[in-house]
Protein backbone atom coordinates (compact mmCIF):
# COMPACT_ATOMS: atom_id res chain seq x y z
CA MET A 1 12.54 -266.97 63.84
CA ASN A 2 14.68 -270.32 62.38
CA LYS A 3 13.55 -273.21 61.47
CA ASN A 4 13.89 -275.05 64.81
CA ASP A 5 11.36 -272.32 66.18
CA LEU A 6 8.68 -273.20 63.44
CA LYS A 7 9.33 -276.74 64.13
CA ASN A 8 8.47 -276.17 68.31
CA LEU A 9 5.26 -273.70 66.72
CA LYS A 10 4.12 -277.01 64.77
CA LYS A 11 4.51 -279.45 67.73
CA TRP A 12 2.64 -276.27 69.69
CA PHE A 13 -0.17 -276.23 67.14
CA ALA A 14 -0.88 -280.00 67.10
CA ASP A 15 -1.03 -280.14 70.68
CA TYR A 16 -3.41 -277.55 70.72
CA VAL A 17 -5.83 -278.62 68.06
CA SER A 18 -5.57 -281.97 70.16
CA ALA A 19 -7.15 -280.69 73.19
CA PHE A 20 -9.99 -279.94 71.33
CA TYR A 21 -11.54 -283.25 70.08
CA THR A 22 -14.51 -285.12 71.63
CA ASP A 23 -15.44 -288.57 71.59
CA ASP A 24 -18.04 -287.11 68.83
CA TYR A 25 -16.86 -288.23 65.27
CA ASN A 26 -18.97 -284.98 63.26
CA TYR A 27 -17.06 -282.73 65.43
CA ASN A 28 -14.04 -284.37 65.36
CA PHE A 29 -14.51 -284.73 60.95
CA ALA A 30 -14.54 -280.86 61.09
CA LEU A 31 -11.86 -279.84 63.61
CA ASN A 32 -9.43 -283.05 61.09
CA VAL A 33 -10.83 -280.52 57.98
CA LYS A 34 -9.28 -277.52 59.42
CA LYS A 35 -6.36 -279.28 60.69
CA GLY A 36 -5.48 -280.43 57.23
CA HIS A 37 -6.46 -277.11 55.55
CA THR A 38 -3.94 -275.40 57.89
CA MET A 39 -1.08 -278.13 56.46
CA ARG A 40 -1.78 -277.48 53.23
CA VAL A 41 -1.82 -273.38 53.50
CA CYS A 42 1.34 -273.76 54.90
CA ASP A 43 2.42 -276.00 51.68
CA ASN A 44 1.08 -273.48 49.23
CA ILE A 45 2.67 -270.43 51.05
CA VAL A 46 6.00 -272.06 50.40
CA MET A 47 5.82 -273.10 47.46
CA ILE A 48 4.70 -269.86 46.17
CA GLY A 49 7.33 -268.03 48.29
CA LYS A 50 9.73 -270.44 46.51
CA LYS A 51 9.05 -269.46 42.98
CA LEU A 52 9.13 -265.82 44.22
CA ASP A 53 12.68 -266.73 45.67
CA MET A 54 11.96 -265.16 48.95
CA SER A 55 15.16 -265.42 51.56
CA GLU A 56 14.61 -268.58 54.05
CA PRO A 57 14.27 -266.38 56.54
CA ASP A 58 10.98 -264.46 54.82
CA LEU A 59 9.99 -268.10 54.26
CA ILE A 60 9.83 -269.44 57.55
CA ILE A 61 8.08 -265.61 58.66
CA ALA A 62 5.45 -267.14 56.08
CA GLU A 63 4.84 -270.32 56.95
CA THR A 64 4.10 -269.22 60.46
CA THR A 65 1.55 -266.98 59.37
CA ALA A 66 0.24 -270.00 57.65
CA LEU A 67 0.48 -272.03 60.86
CA LEU A 68 -1.72 -269.56 62.82
CA HIS A 69 -3.66 -268.24 60.08
CA ASP A 70 -6.96 -270.12 61.55
CA LEU A 71 -6.10 -270.61 64.84
CA GLY A 72 -9.40 -269.09 65.80
CA ARG A 73 -11.26 -271.46 63.75
CA PHE A 74 -11.10 -274.13 66.57
CA LYS A 75 -12.18 -272.22 69.16
CA GLN A 76 -14.99 -270.94 67.04
CA PHE A 77 -16.54 -274.07 66.55
CA LYS A 78 -16.29 -275.18 69.92
CA LYS A 79 -17.89 -272.22 71.01
CA TYR A 80 -20.61 -271.47 68.19
CA GLY A 81 -20.59 -274.86 66.36
CA THR A 82 -20.24 -273.01 63.07
CA PHE A 83 -16.96 -271.68 60.60
CA ASN A 84 -19.82 -268.93 59.92
CA ASP A 85 -18.06 -265.64 60.71
CA MET A 86 -21.06 -263.87 59.94
CA THR A 87 -23.30 -266.16 62.97
CA SER A 88 -20.22 -265.89 65.34
CA GLU A 89 -17.11 -263.95 65.19
CA ASN A 90 -14.09 -263.02 63.42
CA HIS A 91 -12.05 -266.06 63.40
CA ALA A 92 -8.76 -263.82 62.61
CA ARG A 93 -9.20 -261.44 65.53
CA LEU A 94 -10.24 -264.83 67.40
CA GLY A 95 -7.12 -266.78 66.34
CA LEU A 96 -5.39 -262.98 67.20
CA ARG A 97 -6.72 -263.42 71.07
CA GLU A 98 -5.56 -266.98 71.24
CA MET A 99 -1.85 -266.21 70.10
CA ALA A 100 -1.76 -263.21 72.38
CA ALA A 101 -3.14 -265.58 75.27
CA HIS A 102 -1.11 -268.78 74.58
CA LYS A 103 2.21 -266.29 73.77
CA VAL A 104 2.62 -268.05 70.84
CA LEU A 105 5.29 -265.89 69.33
CA SER A 106 7.21 -265.27 72.00
CA VAL A 107 10.54 -266.18 69.95
CA CYS A 108 9.97 -263.82 67.25
CA LEU A 109 11.93 -260.26 67.37
CA LYS A 110 9.42 -257.34 67.05
CA ALA A 111 9.34 -256.83 63.53
CA GLU A 112 8.57 -260.93 62.34
CA LYS A 113 6.04 -260.89 65.22
CA LYS A 114 4.08 -257.51 63.64
CA LEU A 115 4.42 -259.13 60.18
CA ILE A 116 2.39 -262.28 61.63
CA VAL A 117 -0.06 -260.61 63.42
CA LYS A 118 -0.76 -258.29 60.36
CA ALA A 119 -1.21 -260.85 58.12
CA VAL A 120 -3.14 -263.13 60.34
CA ASN A 121 -5.42 -260.02 61.33
CA TYR A 122 -5.95 -259.25 57.35
CA HIS A 123 -6.14 -262.85 55.52
CA ASN A 124 -9.75 -262.92 55.42
CA SER A 125 -10.51 -258.63 54.97
CA LEU A 126 -12.20 -258.24 51.94
CA LYS A 127 -9.93 -255.99 50.70
CA LEU A 128 -6.26 -254.99 51.47
CA PRO A 129 -5.81 -252.84 54.10
CA SER A 130 -4.77 -249.25 53.20
CA GLY A 131 -1.30 -247.34 54.83
CA GLU A 132 0.53 -250.21 55.23
CA ASN A 133 4.27 -250.38 53.98
CA GLU A 134 4.79 -253.30 50.70
CA LYS A 135 6.41 -255.72 53.43
CA THR A 136 3.69 -256.38 55.60
CA LEU A 137 1.47 -256.26 52.29
CA HIS A 138 3.55 -258.82 50.66
CA PHE A 139 3.02 -261.11 53.66
CA ILE A 140 -0.61 -260.46 53.99
CA ARG A 141 -1.17 -260.93 49.80
CA LEU A 142 0.92 -264.08 50.48
CA ILE A 143 -1.32 -265.74 52.82
CA ARG A 144 -4.45 -264.67 51.17
CA ASP A 145 -3.17 -266.51 47.77
CA ALA A 146 -2.06 -269.40 49.42
CA ASP A 147 -5.43 -269.62 51.44
CA LYS A 148 -7.70 -269.35 48.59
CA LEU A 149 -5.86 -272.24 46.62
CA ASP A 150 -6.93 -274.62 50.01
CA ILE A 151 -10.40 -273.52 50.20
CA TRP A 152 -10.95 -274.20 46.22
CA LYS A 153 -9.75 -277.84 46.55
CA VAL A 154 -11.99 -278.28 49.89
CA PHE A 155 -15.01 -276.45 48.95
CA LEU A 156 -14.50 -278.27 45.41
CA GLU A 157 -14.87 -281.52 47.09
CA PHE A 158 -18.05 -280.46 48.59
CA PHE A 159 -19.89 -279.81 45.06
CA HIS A 160 -19.15 -282.71 43.96
CA GLU A 161 -19.92 -284.81 47.24
CA LYS A 162 -22.69 -282.55 48.12
CA ASN A 163 -24.60 -285.53 49.39
CA ASN A 164 -21.74 -285.92 52.23
CA ARG A 165 -23.82 -284.63 55.17
CA GLN A 166 -20.70 -284.40 57.36
CA ASN A 167 -19.89 -281.14 54.89
CA ASP A 168 -22.72 -278.70 55.68
CA VAL A 169 -20.98 -276.75 58.10
CA PHE A 170 -18.20 -275.75 54.89
CA VAL A 171 -20.70 -274.31 53.39
CA LEU A 172 -22.14 -272.01 56.06
CA ASP A 173 -25.51 -273.70 56.12
CA LEU A 174 -26.46 -271.69 53.51
CA PRO A 175 -29.54 -273.68 51.37
CA ASP A 176 -28.78 -275.24 48.12
CA GLU A 177 -31.09 -273.92 45.83
CA PRO A 178 -31.73 -272.86 42.21
CA GLU A 179 -31.75 -268.89 43.10
CA TYR A 180 -28.24 -267.12 43.04
CA SER A 181 -28.46 -262.93 44.03
CA ASN A 182 -27.51 -260.92 41.56
CA GLU A 183 -24.70 -259.51 43.18
CA PHE A 184 -22.73 -261.89 42.31
CA ILE A 185 -23.50 -261.41 38.68
CA GLU A 186 -22.28 -257.97 38.91
CA ALA A 187 -19.00 -258.77 40.66
CA LEU A 188 -17.72 -261.25 37.93
CA HIS A 189 -18.60 -258.51 35.73
CA SER A 190 -17.04 -255.88 36.85
CA GLN A 191 -14.34 -257.90 38.08
CA THR A 192 -14.80 -257.14 41.80
CA MET A 193 -14.76 -259.28 44.95
CA ALA A 194 -18.48 -259.48 46.24
CA SER A 195 -18.87 -259.60 50.17
CA THR A 196 -19.70 -262.69 52.38
CA LYS A 197 -22.82 -260.88 54.03
CA ASP A 198 -24.74 -260.97 50.68
CA MET A 199 -24.82 -264.53 50.41
CA LYS A 200 -28.04 -266.37 50.53
CA THR A 201 -27.63 -269.47 49.12
CA LEU A 202 -24.70 -271.84 47.76
CA ASN A 203 -25.02 -270.43 44.28
CA ASP A 204 -24.29 -267.44 45.89
CA PHE A 205 -21.09 -269.15 47.86
CA LYS A 206 -19.89 -270.62 43.99
CA LEU A 207 -20.23 -267.55 42.59
CA LEU A 208 -18.66 -265.94 45.35
CA GLN A 209 -15.17 -267.93 44.72
CA ILE A 210 -15.11 -268.08 41.41
CA GLY A 211 -15.22 -264.23 42.10
CA TRP A 212 -11.60 -264.48 44.30
CA VAL A 213 -9.63 -264.93 41.36
CA TYR A 214 -9.81 -261.45 41.04
CA ASP A 215 -8.05 -261.19 44.44
CA LEU A 216 -5.19 -263.24 43.45
CA ASN A 217 -1.57 -261.46 43.09
CA PHE A 218 1.07 -263.66 42.36
CA VAL A 219 2.22 -265.79 39.06
CA PRO A 220 2.06 -269.21 40.86
CA ALA A 221 -0.94 -269.04 42.57
CA PHE A 222 -2.70 -268.16 38.88
CA GLN A 223 -1.06 -270.71 37.37
CA VAL A 224 -2.47 -273.41 40.40
CA ALA A 225 -6.15 -271.72 39.52
CA GLN A 226 -5.47 -272.31 35.65
CA SER A 227 -4.35 -275.87 35.73
CA HIS A 228 -6.27 -277.21 38.46
CA ASN A 229 -9.39 -275.57 35.96
CA ILE A 230 -10.73 -274.05 39.15
CA ILE A 231 -13.26 -271.55 37.25
CA GLU A 232 -14.44 -274.44 34.80
CA ARG A 233 -15.10 -276.80 37.96
CA ILE A 234 -17.05 -274.37 40.46
CA GLU A 235 -18.92 -273.22 36.75
CA ALA A 236 -19.99 -276.92 36.44
CA VAL A 237 -21.71 -277.18 39.52
CA LEU A 238 -23.70 -274.10 38.77
CA PRO A 239 -27.00 -273.83 37.11
CA GLN A 240 -26.32 -273.90 33.36
CA LYS A 241 -27.81 -270.42 32.17
CA LYS A 242 -27.21 -268.00 30.53
CA GLU A 243 -26.39 -265.07 32.82
CA ILE A 244 -24.07 -267.54 34.93
CA ALA A 245 -22.06 -267.83 31.82
CA GLU A 246 -21.60 -264.22 30.62
CA ALA A 247 -20.28 -263.61 34.14
CA VAL A 248 -17.84 -266.74 34.61
CA ARG A 249 -16.96 -265.57 31.09
CA HIS A 250 -15.40 -262.25 32.89
CA ALA A 251 -13.20 -264.02 35.67
CA LYS A 252 -12.01 -266.85 32.60
CA ASP A 253 -11.01 -263.93 30.51
CA TYR A 254 -9.32 -262.29 34.03
CA LEU A 255 -7.01 -265.33 34.74
CA LYS A 256 -5.93 -265.75 31.04
CA MET A 257 -4.89 -261.76 31.08
CA ARG A 258 -2.86 -262.41 34.26
CA LEU A 259 -1.32 -265.16 32.92
CA GLN A 260 -0.36 -263.53 30.03
CA ASP A 261 0.65 -260.33 31.02
CA PRO A 262 1.76 -261.02 35.04
CA GLY A 263 2.81 -257.26 35.77
C-alpha cells in the first residue's frame, strides 16, 4: 500500500458512509458521531505510530486499520438500531464481512491484508489473541490504544452533557441509576479488564472505562490519558463513595507506574 491507496480508501469510506444517511436527524447524528470517531482514531494511531518511530509503510497500514476498524457500525445501526454488540452482533465481524463484500483490501499485499484483517478482528476483543506473532500483536495493540483514546473523549462528552437525549444510543441504553456492580469494583482492585456482558447500569460502564487503562499498551497513549485527566474526569461523574474512590485509586496508581516505568 502507498499514500495514494490510502487516499482512495478514505474516499471510498466517505462514499460508503454517505449511502447510509436518511432524512432522520437523530439517525444521521448517530452515524456522524461514528464517522467522526473513525477520523479521530486515524489521527490517534498516526500520532502513536510516529512517536514510536514506525516506518511510513507501517503507518499507512496502521491508519488503514483505523479507517476500517468500525466499518461494521454503520450496517449494525441500520439493521439493529443499536451499537450494542450484545443485543445485535459483533461489529468487528460485521465489518470484516463488509470489507470482503466490497473487496476493500484488494490493493493490499497479502501480508498487509492479513495484518489489517487481524487488527480489525481483535480491536474490540476483551483480550489479545494468543499464538500471534509480535508484528501482528503490535498492530492490534495500536488500534486498541487509538480506539480507546477517542471512545474516552466521546463518552466524557456524554457524561458531562447527559441531558442530550441524542446521546442515549452511545451508552448502550444502560439505565442511569445510582447502583453499580461489584464485578467492576473488583476488576479495578485486581487491575484487570471487566467484561461488557456484566454491565447493568451506566455506572458500570464508567467503571469499565476507567479499567481500560489496564489494557493500554504504548507510552503515548498513557501520556494522553494522564494529560487529559481521563480517570479523574470519569470518577467525577461516579457516585462519591469510599468504595469507588479506593478502587479507582488502583487505576490511578497503575497509570502513574506505567509512566514512570514504561517497560
